[in-house]
């Protein structure tokens, strides 16, 4: 049965080849298209014959291989037809008039013009007057780790240096160098300087102010004026506002809402009146601009760990505002030594809260010297009483003569034994 199929396929191929050779050359292309159609019919007939002989369920591997060989034979003949059809394409002829050559340039005249021109050598010496007339601006460096490379090209940086701004400090802070290179002195810096002078910042302090707070140059002038107006409405006089701005340069960077929240926090947490809250902020303006977490923590430490009452904490805070933002460790160590070692009760510490502003080492040295002399008396009802205020704030001469009843040399010799 397989031989019958092969003979049929071979007869179809011979028939197509003989018919193709008899066609003229001009009709071979159309004949090739007809042959493709006939091959499709031949393939369909071959599949039907195989299906009739073997059945749809008995298709064997031999029938599959026969179909693959037949398709390969058809593909080879298709490629031959396509190649033969491409060979019959008409050739393209170029018009000789289109291939024109451009006229030649007169090189002799051009060379004479170049010979007549006077060219200066880069090694030729020039006079000082000619050198002074040469204007060559140095390019701005694309990137740098210091503002010093930009001072010669930036008019703003030159004027800021003349004003007293410390660029060496500003260039170490992130985003500040880029800010200073972008601002224009006349357009951006001058209005801020005039505003600060109106607020009360002195001329010789403007450079130091911008060194501490260069970001005020990014603030809108109208917003700055609104913040000053808010402080004046809260009954901060002009001198107080000037002092607050000078001591806390970032104060004017805070919005009106934020300033109001900060003032309300201290009034609420300490239970102060409006007047006492205002006095507290005037004495230590950085309480407004600083973090509130140390303040909350110190208030809890004073009440829970140190054992002060709320009214006592209020009194200490108004007398020594630095205690609110002091280091927690320093606060507890000072209280522990004064209360537990020196034996001073709470009410005397509240009466002289300046002890929290003093250095603990100084308190220890003077207490040990008085104890060595037998004069460590801190009870106001006993003779030779020494108050905490005098113990911590008096100079060495007054402390030694009036309270220790000794000379300064004796005190210095005693300190060497510690």
Protein backbone atom coordinates (compact mmCIF):
# COMPACT_ATOMS: atom_id res chain seq x y z
CA UNK A 1 0.00 0.00 0.00
CA UNK A 2 2.88 2.36 0.77
CA UNK A 3 4.30 1.79 -2.76
CA UNK A 4 0.98 2.80 -4.31
CA UNK A 5 1.02 6.12 -2.45
CA UNK A 6 4.60 6.86 -3.53
CA UNK A 7 3.80 6.12 -7.18
CA UNK A 8 0.84 8.49 -7.12
CA UNK A 9 2.93 11.28 -5.62
CA UNK A 10 5.71 10.70 -8.17
CA UNK A 11 3.27 10.84 -11.12
CA UNK A 12 1.91 14.16 -9.89
CA UNK A 13 5.43 15.60 -9.69
CA UNK A 14 6.42 14.44 -13.21
CA UNK A 15 3.20 15.81 -14.65
CA UNK A 16 3.76 19.24 -13.09
CA UNK A 17 7.39 19.42 -14.24
CA UNK A 18 6.58 18.57 -17.85
CA UNK A 19 3.78 21.10 -18.01
CA UNK A 20 5.95 23.82 -16.47
CA UNK A 21 8.70 23.35 -19.09
CA UNK A 22 6.25 23.83 -21.97
CA UNK A 23 5.12 27.33 -20.79
CA UNK A 24 6.75 30.39 -22.27
CA UNK A 25 9.01 32.41 -19.99
CA UNK A 26 6.54 35.29 -19.64
CA UNK A 27 3.82 32.97 -18.35
CA UNK A 28 5.93 30.97 -15.90
CA UNK A 29 5.14 33.26 -13.02
CA UNK A 30 1.39 32.76 -13.41
CA UNK A 31 2.01 29.06 -13.92
CA UNK A 32 3.88 28.95 -10.62
CA UNK A 33 0.83 30.29 -8.86
CA UNK A 34 -1.31 27.62 -10.49
CA UNK A 35 1.14 24.93 -9.39
CA UNK A 36 0.84 26.06 -5.76
CA UNK A 37 -2.92 25.64 -5.97
CA UNK A 38 -2.50 22.18 -7.54
CA UNK A 39 -0.06 21.11 -4.82
CA UNK A 40 -2.60 22.04 -2.17
CA UNK A 41 -5.17 19.87 -3.93
CA UNK A 42 -2.60 17.10 -4.20
CA UNK A 43 -1.93 17.29 -0.46
CA UNK A 44 -5.62 17.11 0.34
CA UNK A 45 -6.04 14.11 -1.97
CA UNK A 46 -3.07 12.37 -0.39
CA UNK A 47 -4.50 12.87 3.10
CA UNK A 48 -7.88 11.51 2.00
CA UNK A 49 -6.20 8.46 0.46
CA UNK A 50 -4.25 7.73 3.65
CA UNK A 51 -7.37 8.18 5.74
CA UNK A 52 -9.27 5.78 3.49
CA UNK A 53 -6.54 3.15 3.57
CA UNK A 54 -5.61 3.29 7.27
CA UNK A 55 -8.66 4.89 8.84
CA UNK A 56 -8.65 7.84 11.27
CA UNK A 57 -7.75 5.64 14.22
CA UNK A 58 -5.03 3.58 12.46
CA UNK A 59 -2.69 6.36 11.35
CA UNK A 60 0.81 4.93 11.70
CA UNK A 61 4.25 6.51 11.93
CA UNK A 62 4.96 5.62 8.30
CA UNK A 63 2.08 7.74 7.03
CA UNK A 64 3.27 10.71 9.11
CA UNK A 65 6.80 10.43 7.72
CA UNK A 66 5.38 10.24 4.18
CA UNK A 67 3.52 13.51 4.66
CA UNK A 68 6.65 15.24 6.04
CA UNK A 69 8.71 14.16 2.99
CA UNK A 70 6.00 15.36 0.64
CA UNK A 71 5.80 18.80 2.33
CA UNK A 72 9.59 19.17 2.22
CA UNK A 73 9.49 18.46 -1.51
CA UNK A 74 6.82 21.13 -2.00
CA UNK A 75 8.79 23.78 -0.04
CA UNK A 76 11.90 23.16 -2.14
CA UNK A 77 9.98 23.68 -5.37
CA UNK A 78 8.36 26.88 -4.01
CA UNK A 79 11.77 28.41 -3.32
CA UNK A 80 12.89 27.55 -6.86
CA UNK A 81 9.87 29.28 -8.35
CA UNK A 82 10.36 32.40 -6.27
CA UNK A 83 14.02 32.68 -7.24
CA UNK A 84 13.22 32.28 -10.91
CA UNK A 85 10.56 34.96 -10.71
CA UNK A 86 13.00 37.41 -9.08
CA UNK A 87 15.42 36.94 -11.95
CA UNK A 88 12.80 38.30 -14.39
CA UNK A 89 12.70 41.77 -12.73
CA UNK A 90 13.42 44.61 -15.21
CA UNK A 91 16.74 46.45 -14.89
CA UNK A 92 16.89 50.18 -13.99
CA UNK A 93 18.77 52.59 -16.25
CA UNK A 94 20.15 55.93 -14.95
CA UNK A 95 19.91 59.14 -16.94
CA UNK A 96 23.45 60.36 -17.77
CA UNK A 97 22.30 63.98 -17.39
CA UNK A 98 21.59 63.40 -13.71
CA UNK A 99 25.19 62.35 -12.98
CA UNK A 100 26.69 65.85 -13.07
CA UNK A 101 29.92 66.82 -11.27
CA UNK A 102 30.05 70.01 -9.18
CA UNK A 103 32.37 72.71 -10.51
CA UNK A 104 35.79 72.78 -8.88
CA UNK A 105 36.72 75.54 -6.43
CA UNK A 106 39.52 77.97 -7.18
CA UNK A 107 42.03 76.75 -4.58
CA UNK A 108 44.74 79.15 -5.70
CA UNK A 109 42.70 82.24 -4.80
CA UNK A 110 41.74 80.73 -1.46
CA UNK A 111 45.36 79.99 -0.57
CA UNK A 112 46.38 83.57 -1.44
CA UNK A 113 43.74 84.94 0.97
CA UNK A 114 45.00 82.72 3.77
CA UNK A 115 48.60 83.76 3.15
CA UNK A 116 47.64 87.43 3.38
CA UNK A 117 45.97 87.04 6.82
CA UNK A 118 48.14 87.77 9.88
CA UNK A 119 47.84 85.05 12.52
CA UNK A 120 49.10 85.62 16.08
CA UNK A 121 51.05 82.88 17.75
CA UNK A 122 49.91 81.75 21.21
CA UNK A 123 53.55 82.07 22.32
CA UNK A 124 53.83 85.70 21.24
CA UNK A 125 54.49 88.15 24.07
CA UNK A 126 51.96 90.93 24.72
CA UNK A 127 52.17 94.15 26.69
CA UNK A 128 50.67 94.69 30.14
CA UNK A 129 48.00 97.00 28.72
CA UNK A 130 46.91 94.33 26.24
CA UNK A 131 46.84 91.74 29.01
CA UNK A 132 44.69 94.01 31.19
CA UNK A 133 42.14 94.35 28.39
CA UNK A 134 41.60 90.59 28.17
CA UNK A 135 38.37 89.68 30.00
CA UNK A 136 38.11 85.98 30.78
CA UNK A 137 35.52 84.90 33.33
CA UNK A 138 36.37 81.76 35.24
CA UNK A 139 33.73 79.05 34.86
CA UNK A 140 31.66 78.13 37.88
CA UNK A 141 32.66 74.67 39.14
CA UNK A 142 29.96 72.07 38.37
CA UNK A 143 30.29 70.59 41.86
CA UNK A 144 32.35 71.27 44.95
CA UNK A 145 32.62 70.37 48.62
CA UNK A 146 33.11 73.97 49.71
CA UNK A 147 31.54 77.36 48.98
CA UNK A 148 34.98 78.91 48.69
CA UNK A 149 35.17 77.89 45.02
CA UNK A 150 32.04 79.93 44.24
CA UNK A 151 32.75 83.16 46.11
CA UNK A 152 34.62 84.81 43.22
CA UNK A 153 31.74 84.16 40.78
CA UNK A 154 28.78 84.76 43.12
CA UNK A 155 27.93 88.34 44.04
CA UNK A 156 25.56 87.07 46.73
CA UNK A 157 28.27 85.10 48.52
CA UNK A 158 30.64 88.07 48.40
CA UNK A 159 28.12 90.34 50.10
CA UNK A 160 27.20 87.69 52.67
CA UNK A 161 30.86 87.33 53.63
CA UNK A 162 31.15 91.12 53.92
CA UNK A 163 28.05 91.05 56.13
CA UNK A 164 29.73 88.61 58.52
CA UNK A 165 28.15 85.29 57.50
CA UNK A 166 30.39 82.31 58.28
CA UNK A 167 30.27 80.22 55.10
CA UNK A 168 32.54 77.55 56.60
CA UNK A 169 29.75 76.64 59.03
CA UNK A 170 26.93 76.86 56.52
CA UNK A 171 28.56 74.61 53.91
CA UNK A 172 28.57 71.74 56.42
CA UNK A 173 24.80 71.83 56.76
CA UNK A 174 22.64 69.97 54.21
CA UNK A 175 20.90 71.98 51.46
CA UNK A 176 22.25 75.33 52.71
CA UNK A 177 24.98 75.72 50.07
CA UNK A 178 22.47 75.13 47.27
CA UNK A 179 20.11 77.68 48.81
CA UNK A 180 22.78 80.39 49.00
CA UNK A 181 23.82 79.84 45.38
CA UNK A 182 20.24 80.18 44.14
CA UNK A 183 19.17 83.35 45.97
CA UNK A 184 19.73 86.83 44.59
CA UNK A 185 21.08 89.33 47.11
CA UNK A 186 19.10 92.36 45.96
CA UNK A 187 15.87 90.47 45.34
CA UNK A 188 15.86 87.86 48.13
CA UNK A 189 18.36 88.81 50.84
CA UNK A 190 17.98 92.59 51.12
CA UNK A 191 14.23 92.55 52.01
CA UNK A 192 14.90 90.01 54.78
CA UNK A 193 17.73 92.10 56.20
CA UNK A 194 15.56 95.23 56.27
CA UNK A 195 12.80 93.25 57.97
CA UNK A 196 15.17 91.96 60.67
CA UNK A 197 16.40 95.49 61.31
CA UNK A 198 12.81 96.65 61.76
CA UNK A 199 12.19 93.81 64.21
CA UNK A 200 15.15 94.94 66.30
CA UNK A 201 18.15 92.85 65.26
CA UNK A 202 21.26 95.03 65.36
CA UNK A 203 23.38 95.56 62.27
CA UNK A 204 26.45 93.83 63.67
CA UNK A 205 24.34 90.77 64.56
CA UNK A 206 22.80 90.22 61.11
CA UNK A 207 25.68 88.05 59.90
CA UNK A 208 25.55 85.86 63.00
CA UNK A 209 21.78 85.59 62.66
CA UNK A 210 21.97 84.33 59.04
CA UNK A 211 24.77 81.95 60.03
CA UNK A 212 22.47 80.34 62.58
CA UNK A 213 19.30 80.48 60.48
CA UNK A 214 19.95 80.75 56.72
CA UNK A 215 16.55 79.18 55.97
CA UNK A 216 14.81 82.45 56.78
CA UNK A 217 15.81 83.49 53.24
CA UNK A 218 13.25 80.95 51.99
CA UNK A 219 10.42 82.44 54.06
CA UNK A 220 7.79 84.71 52.57
CA UNK A 221 8.11 88.27 53.84
CA UNK A 222 4.37 88.61 54.36
CA UNK A 223 4.29 85.48 56.57
CA UNK A 224 7.17 86.83 58.66
CA UNK A 225 5.29 90.04 59.28
CA UNK A 226 2.17 88.09 60.33
CA UNK A 227 4.18 86.17 62.94
CA UNK A 228 5.60 89.35 64.43
CA UNK A 229 2.10 90.84 64.52
CA UNK A 230 0.86 87.75 66.38
CA UNK A 231 3.53 88.13 69.06
CA UNK A 232 2.66 91.79 69.48
CA UNK A 233 -1.02 90.85 69.93
CA UNK A 234 0.05 88.47 72.70
CA UNK A 235 1.47 91.55 74.47
CA UNK A 236 5.12 90.87 73.73
CA UNK A 237 6.58 94.36 73.44
CA UNK A 238 9.04 95.35 70.72
CA UNK A 239 12.10 94.87 72.94
CA UNK A 240 10.89 91.42 73.96
CA UNK A 241 10.30 90.40 70.34
CA UNK A 242 13.77 91.64 69.38
CA UNK A 243 15.34 89.67 72.23
CA UNK A 244 13.38 86.53 71.39
CA UNK A 245 14.33 86.67 67.70
CA UNK A 246 18.00 87.25 68.54
CA UNK A 247 18.14 84.43 71.12
CA UNK A 248 16.01 81.98 69.10
CA UNK A 249 16.66 82.67 65.38
CA UNK A 250 14.25 79.96 64.24
CA UNK A 251 11.34 81.58 66.07
CA UNK A 252 10.11 83.40 62.96
CA UNK A 253 10.23 80.19 60.90
CA UNK A 254 7.30 78.88 62.96
CA UNK A 255 3.82 79.53 61.63
CA UNK A 256 1.25 81.46 63.66
CA UNK A 257 -0.64 78.25 64.45
CA UNK A 258 2.51 76.53 65.68
CA UNK A 259 3.51 79.48 67.85
CA UNK A 260 0.06 79.51 69.41
CA UNK A 261 0.23 75.77 70.14
CA UNK A 262 3.64 76.11 71.81
CA UNK A 263 2.53 78.94 74.07
CA UNK A 264 -0.60 76.99 74.99
CA UNK A 265 1.49 73.92 75.85
CA UNK A 266 3.61 75.69 78.49
CA UNK A 267 0.63 77.50 79.94
CA UNK A 268 -1.33 74.25 80.22
CA UNK A 269 1.43 71.91 81.47
CA UNK A 270 2.79 74.29 84.10
CA UNK A 271 -0.55 75.80 85.07
CA UNK A 272 0.74 79.33 84.51
CA UNK A 273 -1.14 82.50 83.86
CA UNK A 274 -0.80 84.35 80.57
CA UNK A 275 1.59 86.87 82.10
CA UNK A 276 3.84 84.23 83.69
CA UNK A 277 3.88 82.23 80.47
CA UNK A 278 4.96 85.33 78.57
CA UNK A 279 7.73 86.03 81.11
CA UNK A 280 8.92 82.42 80.90
CA UNK A 281 9.27 82.59 77.10
CA UNK A 282 11.00 85.97 77.21
CA UNK A 283 13.60 84.61 79.62
CA UNK A 284 14.26 81.47 77.55
CA UNK A 285 12.91 81.88 73.97
CA UNK A 286 14.42 78.61 72.75
CA UNK A 287 11.73 76.76 74.71
CA UNK A 288 9.39 77.69 71.84
CA UNK A 289 11.67 76.45 69.06
CA UNK A 290 13.13 73.41 70.84
CA UNK A 291 11.74 69.92 71.19
CA UNK A 292 8.91 69.44 73.68
CA UNK A 293 9.83 65.86 74.60
CA UNK A 294 12.62 66.81 77.08
CA UNK A 295 10.20 69.26 78.72
CA UNK A 296 7.54 66.58 79.20
CA UNK A 297 10.12 64.12 80.51
CA UNK A 298 11.67 66.56 83.01
CA UNK A 299 8.26 67.52 84.36
CA UNK A 300 7.50 63.85 85.06
CA UNK A 301 10.95 63.30 86.60
CA UNK A 302 10.51 66.24 88.97
CA UNK A 303 7.12 65.01 90.11
CA UNK A 304 7.61 61.23 90.22
CA UNK A 305 11.34 60.64 90.85
CA UNK A 306 12.39 63.79 92.70
CA UNK A 307 9.18 64.14 94.69
CA UNK A 308 8.34 67.80 94.05
CA UNK A 309 4.75 69.01 94.13
CA UNK A 310 3.16 70.68 91.12
CA UNK A 311 3.24 74.15 92.66
CA UNK A 312 6.91 73.61 93.57
CA UNK A 313 7.69 72.56 90.00
CA UNK A 314 5.90 75.67 88.76
CA UNK A 315 8.02 77.87 91.01
CA UNK A 316 11.29 76.18 89.99
CA UNK A 317 10.41 76.47 86.27
CA UNK A 318 9.66 80.19 86.47
CA UNK A 319 12.87 80.88 88.42
CA UNK A 320 15.15 78.55 86.43
CA UNK A 321 13.62 77.96 82.96
CA UNK A 322 16.69 75.99 81.86
CA UNK A 323 15.62 73.21 84.19
CA UNK A 324 12.81 72.36 81.77
CA UNK A 325 15.21 71.49 78.95
CA UNK A 326 18.13 70.29 81.10
CA UNK A 327 19.71 66.88 80.74
CA UNK A 328 17.77 64.32 82.74
CA UNK A 329 20.92 62.67 84.13
CA UNK A 330 22.38 65.98 85.30
CA UNK A 331 19.07 66.93 86.89
CA UNK A 332 18.76 63.71 88.90
CA UNK A 333 22.46 63.61 89.91
CA UNK A 334 22.36 67.19 91.20
CA UNK A 335 19.21 66.57 93.22
CA UNK A 336 20.58 63.29 94.61
CA UNK A 337 23.77 64.91 95.88
CA UNK A 338 22.11 68.03 97.31
CA UNK A 339 19.19 66.20 98.91
CA UNK A 340 20.68 62.86 99.97
CA UNK A 341 24.37 63.69 100.59
CA UNK A 342 24.16 67.28 101.82
CA UNK A 343 20.82 66.67 103.55
CA UNK A 344 18.97 69.70 102.18
CA UNK A 345 15.15 69.26 102.20
CA UNK A 346 12.77 69.93 99.30
CA UNK A 347 11.48 73.28 100.50
CA UNK A 348 15.01 74.75 100.69
CA UNK A 349 15.81 73.47 97.20
CA UNK A 350 12.60 75.13 95.96
CA UNK A 351 13.66 78.33 97.69
CA UNK A 352 17.07 78.27 95.94
CA UNK A 353 16.42 76.49 92.62
CA UNK A 354 19.56 78.04 91.07
CA UNK A 355 21.37 74.97 92.35
CA UNK A 356 20.15 73.15 89.23
CA UNK A 357 22.07 75.64 87.07
CA UNK A 358 25.36 75.05 88.90
CA UNK A 359 28.02 72.50 88.05
CA UNK A 360 27.87 69.42 90.22
CA UNK A 361 31.67 69.31 90.58
CA UNK A 362 31.72 72.82 92.03
CA UNK A 363 29.00 71.92 94.55
CA UNK A 364 30.94 68.82 95.64
CA UNK A 365 34.26 70.67 96.05
CA UNK A 366 32.79 73.46 98.20
CA UNK A 367 30.69 71.11 100.30
CA UNK A 368 33.70 68.87 101.04
CA UNK A 369 35.83 71.91 101.97
CA UNK A 370 33.15 73.18 104.38
CA UNK A 371 32.74 69.70 105.81
CA UNK A 372 36.52 69.45 106.32
CA UNK A 373 36.44 72.73 108.25
CA UNK A 374 33.28 71.77 110.17
CA UNK A 375 31.22 74.56 108.61
CA UNK A 376 28.83 72.57 106.41
CA UNK A 377 25.70 74.02 108.00
CA UNK A 378 22.67 74.28 105.70
CA UNK A 379 19.95 74.69 108.31
CA UNK A 380 18.81 78.34 108.46
CA UNK A 381 17.93 77.97 112.16
CA UNK A 382 21.55 77.18 113.16
CA UNK A 383 24.58 79.48 113.42
CA UNK A 384 27.12 79.71 110.58
CA UNK A 385 24.32 78.92 108.14
CA UNK A 386 25.38 78.71 104.45
CA UNK A 387 22.60 79.08 101.91
CA UNK A 388 22.56 77.18 98.64
CA UNK A 389 22.56 80.45 96.75
CA UNK A 390 25.80 81.63 98.36
CA UNK A 391 27.34 78.19 98.11
CA UNK A 392 26.89 77.95 94.35
CA UNK A 393 27.01 81.52 93.05
CA UNK A 394 29.67 83.26 95.18
CA UNK A 395 33.19 83.78 93.78
CA UNK A 396 36.02 81.84 95.42
CA UNK A 397 37.30 84.87 97.36
CA UNK A 398 33.91 85.64 98.97
CA UNK A 399 33.15 81.97 99.61
CA UNK A 400 36.48 81.39 101.36
CA UNK A 401 36.54 84.59 103.44
CA UNK A 402 32.87 84.94 104.45
CA UNK A 403 31.66 81.34 104.72
CA UNK A 404 34.68 79.05 104.99
CA UNK A 405 36.70 81.55 107.08
CA UNK A 406 39.83 80.48 105.21
CA UNK A 407 42.14 81.80 102.51
CA UNK A 408 41.92 81.05 98.83
CA UNK A 409 45.35 79.34 99.02
CA UNK A 410 44.03 76.93 101.65
CA UNK A 411 41.06 76.14 99.43
CA UNK A 412 43.32 75.49 96.44
CA UNK A 413 45.59 73.25 98.49
CA UNK A 414 42.57 71.27 99.66
CA UNK A 415 41.36 70.76 96.10
CA UNK A 416 44.68 69.11 95.26
CA UNK A 417 43.96 66.41 97.82
CA UNK A 418 40.70 65.35 96.18
